[in-house]
Amino acid sequence: MRLGGQLSAASTVGQGSNFTLILVLERCEAPAPTPIATTLSGFTALVVDDNALNRRGARALVERLGGTVSEAGDGRAGVT
C-alpha cells in the first residue's frame, strides 16, 4: 500500500467476511476551531416541514439562541 499499511481479507462461505486495515499515522495538531455564532439575535428562520414535531424542535433550537421562526407545514405554504 502507498501509505505503508497492511490490508487483509478473510471470507468464509455462509458466514461472512472480515476485512482488516492497519495504518501507522503521524499525530498532527488540529487547527483551532472557528468560533460559531452563539446568538441568532435579529435572525429569522423559515422552517418548512410536514411533521409538526420536527418544526417544534427546529423552533426551539432557533429561539433558544435568540432568533425568531416562521413555520410552514409544506412547501407550497413556505413559498406563499
Protein backbone atom coordinates (compact mmCIF):
# COMPACT_ATOMS: atom_id res chain seq x y z
CA MET A 1 0.00 0.00 0.00
CA ARG A 2 1.13 3.55 -0.68
CA LEU A 3 0.82 4.58 2.98
CA GLY A 4 2.89 1.63 4.14
CA GLY A 5 -0.01 -0.12 5.86
CA GLN A 6 -1.44 -3.60 5.67
CA LEU A 7 -4.74 -4.77 4.20
CA SER A 8 -6.09 -8.27 4.60
CA ALA A 9 -9.34 -10.09 3.97
CA ALA A 10 -10.73 -13.43 5.08
CA SER A 11 -14.01 -14.92 3.96
CA THR A 12 -15.98 -18.00 4.94
CA VAL A 13 -18.86 -19.09 2.70
CA GLY A 14 -22.16 -18.73 4.53
CA GLN A 15 -20.61 -16.85 7.45
CA GLY A 16 -19.31 -13.59 6.02
CA SER A 17 -16.08 -11.69 5.53
CA ASN A 18 -13.58 -9.94 7.76
CA PHE A 19 -11.50 -7.03 6.44
CA THR A 20 -8.57 -5.55 8.37
CA LEU A 21 -6.74 -2.32 7.59
CA ILE A 22 -3.71 -1.28 9.60
CA LEU A 23 -2.20 2.19 9.11
CA VAL A 24 0.51 3.86 11.14
CA LEU A 25 -0.24 7.58 11.04
CA GLU A 26 1.62 10.54 12.46
CA ARG A 27 -0.10 12.66 15.05
CA CYS A 28 -0.65 16.25 13.95
CA GLU A 29 -2.01 19.35 15.60
CA ALA A 30 -5.58 20.19 14.72
CA PRO A 31 -6.29 23.76 13.67
CA ALA A 32 -8.07 25.93 16.20
CA PRO A 33 -11.84 25.68 15.78
CA THR A 34 -13.58 28.58 14.11
CA PRO A 35 -15.91 30.29 16.58
CA ILE A 36 -19.57 29.85 15.78
CA ALA A 37 -22.40 32.26 16.43
CA THR A 38 -23.69 31.92 19.96
CA THR A 39 -26.66 34.12 19.29
CA LEU A 40 -29.17 34.42 16.48
CA SER A 41 -30.49 37.76 17.68
CA GLY A 42 -32.10 39.54 14.72
CA PHE A 43 -32.16 36.33 12.68
CA THR A 44 -35.43 34.91 11.35
CA ALA A 45 -35.63 31.33 10.09
CA LEU A 46 -38.32 29.82 7.90
CA VAL A 47 -38.90 26.21 8.97
CA VAL A 48 -40.80 24.13 6.43
CA ASP A 49 -41.66 20.53 7.36
CA ASP A 50 -44.79 18.43 7.15
CA ASN A 51 -44.01 16.98 10.57
CA ALA A 52 -45.09 19.26 13.42
CA LEU A 53 -42.66 17.64 15.84
CA ASN A 54 -39.72 18.48 13.54
CA ARG A 55 -40.93 22.08 13.24
CA ARG A 56 -41.25 22.34 17.01
CA GLY A 57 -37.69 21.06 17.51
CA ALA A 58 -36.25 23.49 14.97
CA ARG A 59 -38.22 26.35 16.50
CA ALA A 60 -36.92 25.52 19.98
CA LEU A 61 -33.32 25.46 18.77
CA VAL A 62 -33.52 28.79 16.93
CA GLU A 63 -35.44 30.52 19.71
CA ARG A 64 -33.02 29.21 22.37
CA LEU A 65 -30.30 31.12 20.51
CA GLY A 66 -32.41 34.31 20.35
CA GLY A 67 -33.79 34.05 16.81
CA THR A 68 -37.37 34.06 15.60
CA VAL A 69 -39.14 31.45 13.49
CA SER A 70 -41.82 31.41 10.85
CA GLU A 71 -43.32 27.99 10.14
CA ALA A 72 -44.98 26.30 7.21
CA GLY A 73 -46.42 22.81 7.07
CA ASP A 74 -45.50 22.16 3.43
CA GLY A 75 -43.50 23.57 0.54
CA ARG A 76 -46.41 25.40 -1.04
CA ALA A 77 -47.19 27.21 2.22
CA GLY A 78 -43.49 28.00 2.62
CA VAL A 79 -43.27 29.98 -0.62
CA THR A 80 -46.55 31.86 -0.38
